Structures are given as C-alpha cells and as structure tokens.
Amino acid sequence: MGNTKSNNLGKLFMNNVMVDLSPCPLTRESALVIINGLYDVATNGGPTGLSVKFHYETFQNLDSTDLAIITSKGWTYSSAPQQNA
C-alpha cells in the first residue's frame, strides 16, 4: 500500500486521502469548482480511498447531481455534523 507513482502521468499518488473542507462553509458554486476539479480515478486510475468532507451547510446546498459527479470520479463524500448555535 502507501504511495504509488503513475508512470504515464508522472504524479505521486497517496491512498486513503480525505479532502477535509468541513471547517470551510462554501457556496454551492465554490463547492462545484472543487468537485469538478477532483481527479477522476474512475476513468484515469490512481489512488484508492479518496474522499471529500464538506461543511454541514455546504453539503445541504448540494443536490444529487452534484454528489453523483463525486462518485462518478471514484470518490466518496461526507458531511460534517450540524453545529448547534
């Protein structure tokens, strides 16, 4: 396990990586910039165990189509718990 190097892309990949955006409330549009920029491991191969975690409010603003983009790229997603005011 651990790190693997992609010969054709020349990039170093790490398995089991989480992009943790839970401390960062984002607009839906900003979240989509990140979602659309996720590396597509489903098509291009690469690391495994990739996930992105969103701030609770950000996650609530994403729809099923937005979340489907994440999974279609081979990533999983989650939401931070709702914070009580």
PDB file of N, CA and C in Angstrom:
ATOM      1  N   MET A   1       0.829  -1.174   0.000  1.00  0.00           N
ATOM      2  CA  MET A   1       0.000   0.000   0.000  1.00  0.00           C
ATOM      3  C   MET A   1       0.881   1.247   0.000  1.00  0.00           C
ATOM      4  N   GLY A   2       0.389   2.337   0.556  1.00  0.00           N
ATOM      5  CA  GLY A   2       1.192   3.547   0.619  1.00  0.00           C
ATOM      6  C   GLY A   2       1.161   4.312  -0.681  1.00  0.00           C
ATOM      7  N   ASN A   3       2.281   4.879  -1.035  1.00  0.00           N
ATOM      8  CA  ASN A   3       2.371   5.720  -2.223  1.00  0.00           C
ATOM      9  C   ASN A   3       2.642   4.886  -3.464  1.00  0.00           C
ATOM     10  N   THR A   4       2.066   5.320  -4.561  1.00  0.00           N
ATOM     11  CA  THR A   4       2.364   4.706  -5.846  1.00  0.00           C
ATOM     12  C   THR A   4       2.638   5.830  -6.827  1.00  0.00           C
ATOM     13  N   LYS A   5       3.477   5.564  -7.800  1.00  0.00           N
ATOM     14  CA  LYS A   5       3.768   6.579  -8.803  1.00  0.00           C
ATOM     15  C   LYS A   5       3.142   6.162 -10.113  1.00  0.00           C
ATOM     16  N   SER A   6       2.424   7.087 -10.721  1.00  0.00           N
ATOM     17  CA  SER A   6       1.814   6.840 -12.007  1.00  0.00           C
ATOM     18  C   SER A   6       2.860   7.078 -13.087  1.00  0.00           C
ATOM     19  N   ASN A   7       3.185   6.044 -13.854  1.00  0.00           N
ATOM     20  CA  ASN A   7       4.213   6.174 -14.880  1.00  0.00           C
ATOM     21  C   ASN A   7       3.809   7.110 -16.005  1.00  0.00           C
ATOM     22  N   ASN A   8       2.547   7.056 -16.426  1.00  0.00           N
ATOM     23  CA  ASN A   8       2.148   7.858 -17.570  1.00  0.00           C
ATOM     24  C   ASN A   8       1.867   9.315 -17.198  1.00  0.00           C
ATOM     25  N   LEU A   9       1.517   9.607 -15.974  1.00  0.00           N
ATOM     26  CA  LEU A   9       1.226  10.976 -15.582  1.00  0.00           C
ATOM     27  C   LEU A   9       2.364  11.614 -14.806  1.00  0.00           C
ATOM     28  N   GLY A  10       3.244  10.802 -14.275  1.00  0.00           N
ATOM     29  CA  GLY A  10       4.356  11.334 -13.519  1.00  0.00           C
ATOM     30  C   GLY A  10       3.941  12.015 -12.230  1.00  0.00           C
ATOM     31  N   LYS A  11       2.811  11.610 -11.653  1.00  0.00           N
ATOM     32  CA  LYS A  11       2.320  12.193 -10.413  1.00  0.00           C
ATOM     33  C   LYS A  11       2.451  11.190  -9.283  1.00  0.00           C
ATOM     34  N   LEU A  12       2.672  11.691  -8.105  1.00  0.00           N
ATOM     35  CA  LEU A  12       2.741  10.850  -6.918  1.00  0.00           C
ATOM     36  C   LEU A  12       1.349  10.786  -6.313  1.00  0.00           C
ATOM     37  N   PHE A  13       0.835   9.593  -6.091  1.00  0.00           N
ATOM     38  CA  PHE A  13      -0.488   9.414  -5.527  1.00  0.00           C
ATOM     39  C   PHE A  13      -0.380   8.822  -4.128  1.00  0.00           C
ATOM     40  N   MET A  14      -1.240   9.254  -3.257  1.00  0.00           N
ATOM     41  CA  MET A  14      -1.325   8.683  -1.919  1.00  0.00           C
ATOM     42  C   MET A  14      -2.711   8.078  -1.758  1.00  0.00           C
ATOM     43  N   ASN A  15      -2.770   6.865  -1.234  1.00  0.00           N
ATOM     44  CA  ASN A  15      -4.047   6.208  -0.997  1.00  0.00           C
ATOM     45  C   ASN A  15      -4.677   6.725   0.293  1.00  0.00           C
ATOM     46  N   ASN A  16      -5.993   6.557   0.399  1.00  0.00           N
ATOM     47  CA  ASN A  16      -6.751   6.915   1.594  1.00  0.00           C
ATOM     48  C   ASN A  16      -6.578   8.386   1.977  1.00  0.00           C
ATOM     49  N   VAL A  17      -6.873   9.251   1.030  1.00  0.00           N
ATOM     50  CA  VAL A  17      -6.757  10.690   1.237  1.00  0.00           C
ATOM     51  C   VAL A  17      -8.144  11.297   1.407  1.00  0.00           C
ATOM     52  N   MET A  18      -8.285  12.179   2.415  1.00  0.00           N
ATOM     53  CA  MET A  18      -9.528  12.919   2.583  1.00  0.00           C
ATOM     54  C   MET A  18      -9.250  14.399   2.369  1.00  0.00           C
ATOM     55  N   VAL A  19     -10.020  14.999   1.491  1.00  0.00           N
ATOM     56  CA  VAL A  19     -10.011  16.449   1.345  1.00  0.00           C
ATOM     57  C   VAL A  19     -11.042  16.948   2.347  1.00  0.00           C
ATOM     58  N   ASP A  20     -10.573  17.537   3.433  1.00  0.00           N
ATOM     59  CA  ASP A  20     -11.461  17.945   4.524  1.00  0.00           C
ATOM     60  C   ASP A  20     -11.794  19.428   4.409  1.00  0.00           C
ATOM     61  N   LEU A  21     -12.984  19.701   3.890  1.00  0.00           N
ATOM     62  CA  LEU A  21     -13.471  21.066   3.754  1.00  0.00           C
ATOM     63  C   LEU A  21     -14.488  21.398   4.843  1.00  0.00           C
ATOM     64  N   SER A  22     -14.582  20.532   5.853  1.00  0.00           N
ATOM     65  CA  SER A  22     -15.606  20.718   6.882  1.00  0.00           C
ATOM     66  C   SER A  22     -15.481  22.023   7.658  1.00  0.00           C
ATOM     67  N   PRO A  23     -14.287  22.589   7.844  1.00  0.00           N
ATOM     68  CA  PRO A  23     -14.226  23.871   8.550  1.00  0.00           C
ATOM     69  C   PRO A  23     -14.581  25.070   7.657  1.00  0.00           C
ATOM     70  N   CYS A  24     -14.797  24.809   6.361  1.00  0.00           N
ATOM     71  CA  CYS A  24     -14.941  25.899   5.385  1.00  0.00           C
ATOM     72  C   CYS A  24     -16.341  25.928   4.778  1.00  0.00           C
ATOM     73  N   PRO A  25     -17.230  26.779   5.274  1.00  0.00           N
ATOM     74  CA  PRO A  25     -18.523  26.893   4.599  1.00  0.00           C
ATOM     75  C   PRO A  25     -18.313  27.516   3.216  1.00  0.00           C
ATOM     76  N   LEU A  26     -18.810  26.838   2.198  1.00  0.00           N
ATOM     77  CA  LEU A  26     -18.660  27.296   0.818  1.00  0.00           C
ATOM     78  C   LEU A  26     -20.019  27.504   0.176  1.00  0.00           C
ATOM     79  N   THR A  27     -20.075  28.378  -0.808  1.00  0.00           N
ATOM     80  CA  THR A  27     -21.274  28.472  -1.626  1.00  0.00           C
ATOM     81  C   THR A  27     -21.347  27.213  -2.482  1.00  0.00           C
ATOM     82  N   ARG A  28     -22.502  26.938  -3.017  1.00  0.00           N
ATOM     83  CA  ARG A  28     -22.645  25.780  -3.912  1.00  0.00           C
ATOM     84  C   ARG A  28     -21.706  25.940  -5.099  1.00  0.00           C
ATOM     85  N   GLU A  29     -21.616  27.145  -5.640  1.00  0.00           N
ATOM     86  CA  GLU A  29     -20.770  27.388  -6.801  1.00  0.00           C
ATOM     87  C   GLU A  29     -19.301  27.102  -6.488  1.00  0.00           C
ATOM     88  N   SER A  30     -18.836  27.504  -5.309  1.00  0.00           N
ATOM     89  CA  SER A  30     -17.450  27.230  -4.917  1.00  0.00           C
ATOM     90  C   SER A  30     -17.221  25.731  -4.720  1.00  0.00           C
ATOM     91  N   ALA A  31     -18.197  25.063  -4.120  1.00  0.00           N
ATOM     92  CA  ALA A  31     -18.087  23.616  -3.932  1.00  0.00           C
ATOM     93  C   ALA A  31     -18.020  22.905  -5.280  1.00  0.00           C
ATOM     94  N   LEU A  32     -18.782  23.388  -6.257  1.00  0.00           N
ATOM     95  CA  LEU A  32     -18.763  22.765  -7.581  1.00  0.00           C
ATOM     96  C   LEU A  32     -17.424  22.949  -8.281  1.00  0.00           C
ATOM     97  N   VAL A  33     -16.748  24.061  -8.035  1.00  0.00           N
ATOM     98  CA  VAL A  33     -15.406  24.242  -8.595  1.00  0.00           C
ATOM     99  C   VAL A  33     -14.488  23.138  -8.065  1.00  0.00           C
ATOM    100  N   ILE A  34     -14.588  22.872  -6.782  1.00  0.00           N
ATOM    101  CA  ILE A  34     -13.772  21.812  -6.186  1.00  0.00           C
ATOM    102  C   ILE A  34     -14.192  20.443  -6.703  1.00  0.00           C
ATOM    103  N   ILE A  35     -15.488  20.180  -6.723  1.00  0.00           N
ATOM    104  CA  ILE A  35     -15.996  18.892  -7.199  1.00  0.00           C
ATOM    105  C   ILE A  35     -15.551  18.640  -8.640  1.00  0.00           C
ATOM    106  N   ASN A  36     -15.708  19.634  -9.495  1.00  0.00           N
ATOM    107  CA  ASN A  36     -15.339  19.463 -10.897  1.00  0.00           C
ATOM    108  C   ASN A  36     -13.830  19.313 -11.077  1.00  0.00           C
ATOM    109  N   GLY A  37     -13.052  19.794 -10.114  1.00  0.00           N
ATOM    110  CA  GLY A  37     -11.608  19.687 -10.192  1.00  0.00           C
ATOM    111  C   GLY A  37     -11.035  18.419  -9.578  1.00  0.00           C
ATOM    112  N   LEU A  38     -11.875  17.583  -8.982  1.00  0.00           N
ATOM    113  CA  LEU A  38     -11.379  16.333  -8.400  1.00  0.00           C
ATOM    114  C   LEU A  38     -10.803  15.438  -9.490  1.00  0.00           C
ATOM    115  N   TYR A  39      -9.692  14.820  -9.186  1.00  0.00           N
ATOM    116  CA  TYR A  39      -9.063  13.891 -10.124  1.00  0.00           C
ATOM    117  C   TYR A  39      -9.993  12.705 -10.362  1.00  0.00           C
ATOM    118  N   ASP A  40     -10.169  12.329 -11.600  1.00  0.00           N
ATOM    119  CA  ASP A  40     -11.085  11.247 -11.964  1.00  0.00           C
ATOM    120  C   ASP A  40     -10.364   9.904 -11.934  1.00  0.00           C
ATOM    121  N   VAL A  41     -10.366   9.277 -10.759  1.00  0.00           N
ATOM    122  CA  VAL A  41      -9.701   7.977 -10.631  1.00  0.00           C
ATOM    123  C   VAL A  41     -10.497   6.873 -11.293  1.00  0.00           C
ATOM    124  N   ALA A  42     -11.809   7.057 -11.428  1.00  0.00           N
ATOM    125  CA  ALA A  42     -12.637   6.036 -12.066  1.00  0.00           C
ATOM    126  C   ALA A  42     -12.242   5.861 -13.529  1.00  0.00           C
ATOM    127  N   THR A  43     -11.893   6.944 -14.196  1.00  0.00           N
ATOM    128  CA  THR A  43     -11.508   6.901 -15.602  1.00  0.00           C
ATOM    129  C   THR A  43     -10.015   6.727 -15.794  1.00  0.00           C
ATOM    130  N   ASN A  44      -9.224   7.460 -15.003  1.00  0.00           N
ATOM    131  CA  ASN A  44      -7.785   7.533 -15.221  1.00  0.00           C
ATOM    132  C   ASN A  44      -6.956   6.608 -14.339  1.00  0.00           C
ATOM    133  N   GLY A  45      -7.599   5.962 -13.373  1.00  0.00           N
ATOM    134  CA  GLY A  45      -6.853   5.131 -12.442  1.00  0.00           C
ATOM    135  C   GLY A  45      -6.094   5.987 -11.445  1.00  0.00           C
ATOM    136  N   GLY A  46      -5.489   5.333 -10.491  1.00  0.00           N
ATOM    137  CA  GLY A  46      -4.727   6.069  -9.493  1.00  0.00           C
ATOM    138  C   GLY A  46      -5.020   5.576  -8.096  1.00  0.00           C
ATOM    139  N   PRO A  47      -5.012   6.497  -7.141  1.00  0.00           N
ATOM    140  CA  PRO A  47      -5.135   6.108  -5.738  1.00  0.00           C
ATOM    141  C   PRO A  47      -6.525   5.569  -5.405  1.00  0.00           C
ATOM    142  N   THR A  48      -6.623   4.953  -4.251  1.00  0.00           N
ATOM    143  CA  THR A  48      -7.905   4.446  -3.766  1.00  0.00           C
ATOM    144  C   THR A  48      -8.222   5.104  -2.431  1.00  0.00           C
ATOM    145  N   GLY A  49      -9.469   4.989  -2.003  1.00  0.00           N
ATOM    146  CA  GLY A  49      -9.866   5.509  -0.704  1.00  0.00           C
ATOM    147  C   GLY A  49      -9.924   7.021  -0.649  1.00  0.00           C
ATOM    148  N   LEU A  50     -10.274   7.668  -1.758  1.00  0.00           N
ATOM    149  CA  LEU A  50     -10.341   9.125  -1.794  1.00  0.00           C
ATOM    150  C   LEU A  50     -11.718   9.599  -1.331  1.00  0.00           C
ATOM    151  N   SER A  51     -11.728  10.616  -0.490  1.00  0.00           N
ATOM    152  CA  SER A  51     -12.995  11.152  -0.016  1.00  0.00           C
ATOM    153  C   SER A  51     -12.897  12.656   0.178  1.00  0.00           C
ATOM    154  N   VAL A  52     -14.033  13.294   0.118  1.00  0.00           N
ATOM    155  CA  VAL A  52     -14.134  14.725   0.357  1.00  0.00           C
ATOM    156  C   VAL A  52     -15.219  14.942   1.414  1.00  0.00           C
ATOM    157  N   LYS A  53     -14.905  15.762   2.405  1.00  0.00           N
ATOM    158  CA  LYS A  53     -15.832  16.025   3.504  1.00  0.00           C
ATOM    159  C   LYS A  53     -16.189  17.504   3.481  1.00  0.00           C
ATOM    160  N   PHE A  54     -17.496  17.774   3.464  1.00  0.00           N
ATOM    161  CA  PHE A  54     -17.991  19.142   3.361  1.00  0.00           C
ATOM    162  C   PHE A  54     -18.509  19.673   4.694  1.00  0.00           C
ATOM    163  N   HIS A  55     -18.471  20.982   4.833  1.00  0.00           N
ATOM    164  CA  HIS A  55     -19.149  21.680   5.924  1.00  0.00           C
ATOM    165  C   HIS A  55     -20.631  21.310   5.837  1.00  0.00           C
ATOM    166  N   TYR A  56     -21.295  21.219   6.969  1.00  0.00           N
ATOM    167  CA  TYR A  56     -22.702  20.815   7.005  1.00  0.00           C
ATOM    168  C   TYR A  56     -23.567  21.663   6.066  1.00  0.00           C
ATOM    169  N   GLU A  57     -23.444  22.985   6.159  1.00  0.00           N
ATOM    170  CA  GLU A  57     -24.279  23.878   5.339  1.00  0.00           C
ATOM    171  C   GLU A  57     -23.957  23.741   3.851  1.00  0.00           C
ATOM    172  N   THR A  58     -22.696  23.576   3.535  1.00  0.00           N
ATOM    173  CA  THR A  58     -22.311  23.372   2.130  1.00  0.00           C
ATOM    174  C   THR A  58     -22.972  22.102   1.603  1.00  0.00           C
ATOM    175  N   PHE A  59     -22.868  21.031   2.378  1.00  0.00           N
ATOM    176  CA  PHE A  59     -23.433  19.747   1.966  1.00  0.00           C
ATOM    177  C   PHE A  59     -24.935  19.850   1.729  1.00  0.00           C
ATOM    178  N   GLN A  60     -25.621  20.611   2.560  1.00  0.00           N
ATOM    179  CA  GLN A  60     -27.070  20.775   2.422  1.00  0.00           C
ATOM    180  C   GLN A  60     -27.446  21.486   1.122  1.00  0.00           C
ATOM    181  N   ASN A  61     -26.520  22.270   0.569  1.00  0.00           N
ATOM    182  CA  ASN A  61     -26.781  23.005  -0.673  1.00  0.00           C
ATOM    183  C   ASN A  61     -26.452  22.215  -1.928  1.00  0.00           C
ATOM    184  N   LEU A  62     -25.836  21.053  -1.774  1.00  0.00           N
ATOM    185  CA  LEU A  62     -25.518  20.221  -2.925  1.00  0.00           C
ATOM    186  C   LEU A  62     -26.695  19.315  -3.251  1.00  0.00           C
ATOM    187  N   ASP A  63     -26.922  19.101  -4.536  1.00  0.00           N
ATOM    188  CA  ASP A  63     -28.028  18.211  -4.911  1.00  0.00           C
ATOM    189  C   ASP A  63     -27.483  16.859  -5.372  1.00  0.00           C
ATOM    190  N   SER A  64     -28.387  15.975  -5.716  1.00  0.00           N
ATOM    191  CA  SER A  64     -27.980  14.610  -6.074  1.00  0.00           C
ATOM    192  C   SER A  64     -27.097  14.578  -7.320  1.00  0.00           C
ATOM    193  N   THR A  65     -27.288  15.503  -8.232  1.00  0.00           N
ATOM    194  CA  THR A  65     -26.446  15.569  -9.425  1.00  0.00           C
ATOM    195  C   THR A  65     -25.017  15.960  -9.052  1.00  0.00           C
ATOM    196  N   ASP A  66     -24.889  16.915  -8.138  1.00  0.00           N
ATOM    197  CA  ASP A  66     -23.563  17.333  -7.666  1.00  0.00           C
ATOM    198  C   ASP A  66     -22.834  16.161  -7.013  1.00  0.00           C
ATOM    199  N   LEU A  67     -23.534  15.440  -6.165  1.00  0.00           N
ATOM    200  CA  LEU A  67     -22.934  14.304  -5.455  1.00  0.00           C
ATOM    201  C   LEU A  67     -22.606  13.160  -6.413  1.00  0.00           C
ATOM    202  N   ALA A  68     -23.415  13.012  -7.464  1.00  0.00           N
ATOM    203  CA  ALA A  68     -23.151  11.965  -8.456  1.00  0.00           C
ATOM    204  C   ALA A  68     -21.849  12.231  -9.209  1.00  0.00           C
ATOM    205  N   ILE A  69     -21.491  13.496  -9.387  1.00  0.00           N
ATOM    206  CA  ILE A  69     -20.223  13.822 -10.038  1.00  0.00           C
ATOM    207  C   ILE A  69     -19.066  13.283  -9.203  1.00  0.00           C
ATOM    208  N   ILE A  70     -19.172  13.455  -7.876  1.00  0.00           N
ATOM    209  CA  ILE A  70     -18.121  12.985  -6.976  1.00  0.00           C
ATOM    210  C   ILE A  70     -17.946  11.476  -7.101  1.00  0.00           C
ATOM    211  N   THR A  71     -19.051  10.744  -6.996  1.00  0.00           N
ATOM    212  CA  THR A  71     -18.955   9.280  -7.038  1.00  0.00           C
ATOM    213  C   THR A  71     -18.556   8.775  -8.424  1.00  0.00           C
ATOM    214  N   SER A  72     -18.971   9.492  -9.475  1.00  0.00           N
ATOM    215  CA  SER A  72     -18.597   9.056 -10.823  1.00  0.00           C
ATOM    216  C   SER A  72     -17.098   9.188 -11.054  1.00  0.00           C
ATOM    217  N   LYS A  73     -16.432  10.028 -10.263  1.00  0.00           N
ATOM    218  CA  LYS A  73     -14.982  10.193 -10.370  1.00  0.00           C
ATOM    219  C   LYS A  73     -14.235   9.231  -9.447  1.00  0.00           C
ATOM    220  N   GLY A  74     -14.963   8.370  -8.743  1.00  0.00           N
ATOM    221  CA  GLY A  74     -14.331   7.372  -7.884  1.00  0.00           C
ATOM    222  C   GLY A  74     -14.058   7.848  -6.468  1.00  0.00           C
ATOM    223  N   TRP A  75     -14.672   8.934  -6.055  1.00  0.00           N
ATOM    224  CA  TRP A  75     -14.516   9.484  -4.711  1.00  0.00           C
ATOM    225  C   TRP A  75     -15.758   9.187  -3.891  1.00  0.00           C
ATOM    226  N   THR A  76     -15.627   9.247  -2.582  1.00  0.00           N
ATOM    227  CA  THR A  76     -16.777   9.214  -1.687  1.00  0.00           C
ATOM    228  C   THR A  76     -16.907  10.598  -1.061  1.00  0.00           C
ATOM    229  N   TYR A  77     -18.035  10.836  -0.421  1.00  0.00           N
ATOM    230  CA  TYR A  77     -18.274  12.146   0.200  1.00  0.00           C
ATOM    231  C   TYR A  77     -18.939  11.959   1.540  1.00  0.00           C
ATOM    232  N   SER A  78     -18.801  12.989   2.370  1.00  0.00           N
ATOM    233  CA  SER A  78     -19.473  13.006   3.671  1.00  0.00           C
ATOM    234  C   SER A  78     -19.697  14.454   4.077  1.00  0.00           C
ATOM    235  N   SER A  79     -20.447  14.585   5.155  1.00  0.00           N
ATOM    236  CA  SER A  79     -20.764  15.904   5.691  1.00  0.00           C
ATOM    237  C   SER A  79     -20.346  15.963   7.152  1.00  0.00           C
ATOM    238  N   ALA A  80     -19.844  17.122   7.551  1.00  0.00           N
ATOM    239  CA  ALA A  80     -19.588  17.346   8.962  1.00  0.00           C
ATOM    240  C   ALA A  80     -20.936  17.404   9.680  1.00  0.00           C
ATOM    241  N   PRO A  81     -20.973  17.078  10.948  1.00  0.00           N
ATOM    242  CA  PRO A  81     -22.241  17.167  11.692  1.00  0.00           C
ATOM    243  C   PRO A  81     -22.688  18.623  11.815  1.00  0.00           C
ATOM    244  N   GLN A  82     -23.974  18.795  11.961  1.00  0.00           N
ATOM    245  CA  GLN A  82     -24.522  20.127  12.164  1.00  0.00           C
ATOM    246  C   GLN A  82     -24.062  20.667  13.504  1.00  0.00           C
ATOM    247  N   GLN A  83     -23.600  21.898  13.509  1.00  0.00           N
ATOM    248  CA  GLN A  83     -23.149  22.539  14.753  1.00  0.00           C
ATOM    249  C   GLN A  83     -24.319  23.286  15.375  1.00  0.00           C
ATOM    250  N   ASN A  84     -24.530  23.097  16.646  1.00  0.00           N
ATOM    251  CA  ASN A  84     -25.588  23.827  17.360  1.00  0.00           C
ATOM    252  C   ASN A  84     -25.090  25.214  17.678  1.00  0.00           C
ATOM    253  N   ALA A  85     -25.961  26.181  17.452  1.00  0.00           N
ATOM    254  CA  ALA A  85     -25.578  27.574  17.679  1.00  0.00           C
ATOM    255  C   ALA A  85     -25.558  27.922  19.158  1.00  0.00           C
TER     256      ALA A  85
END
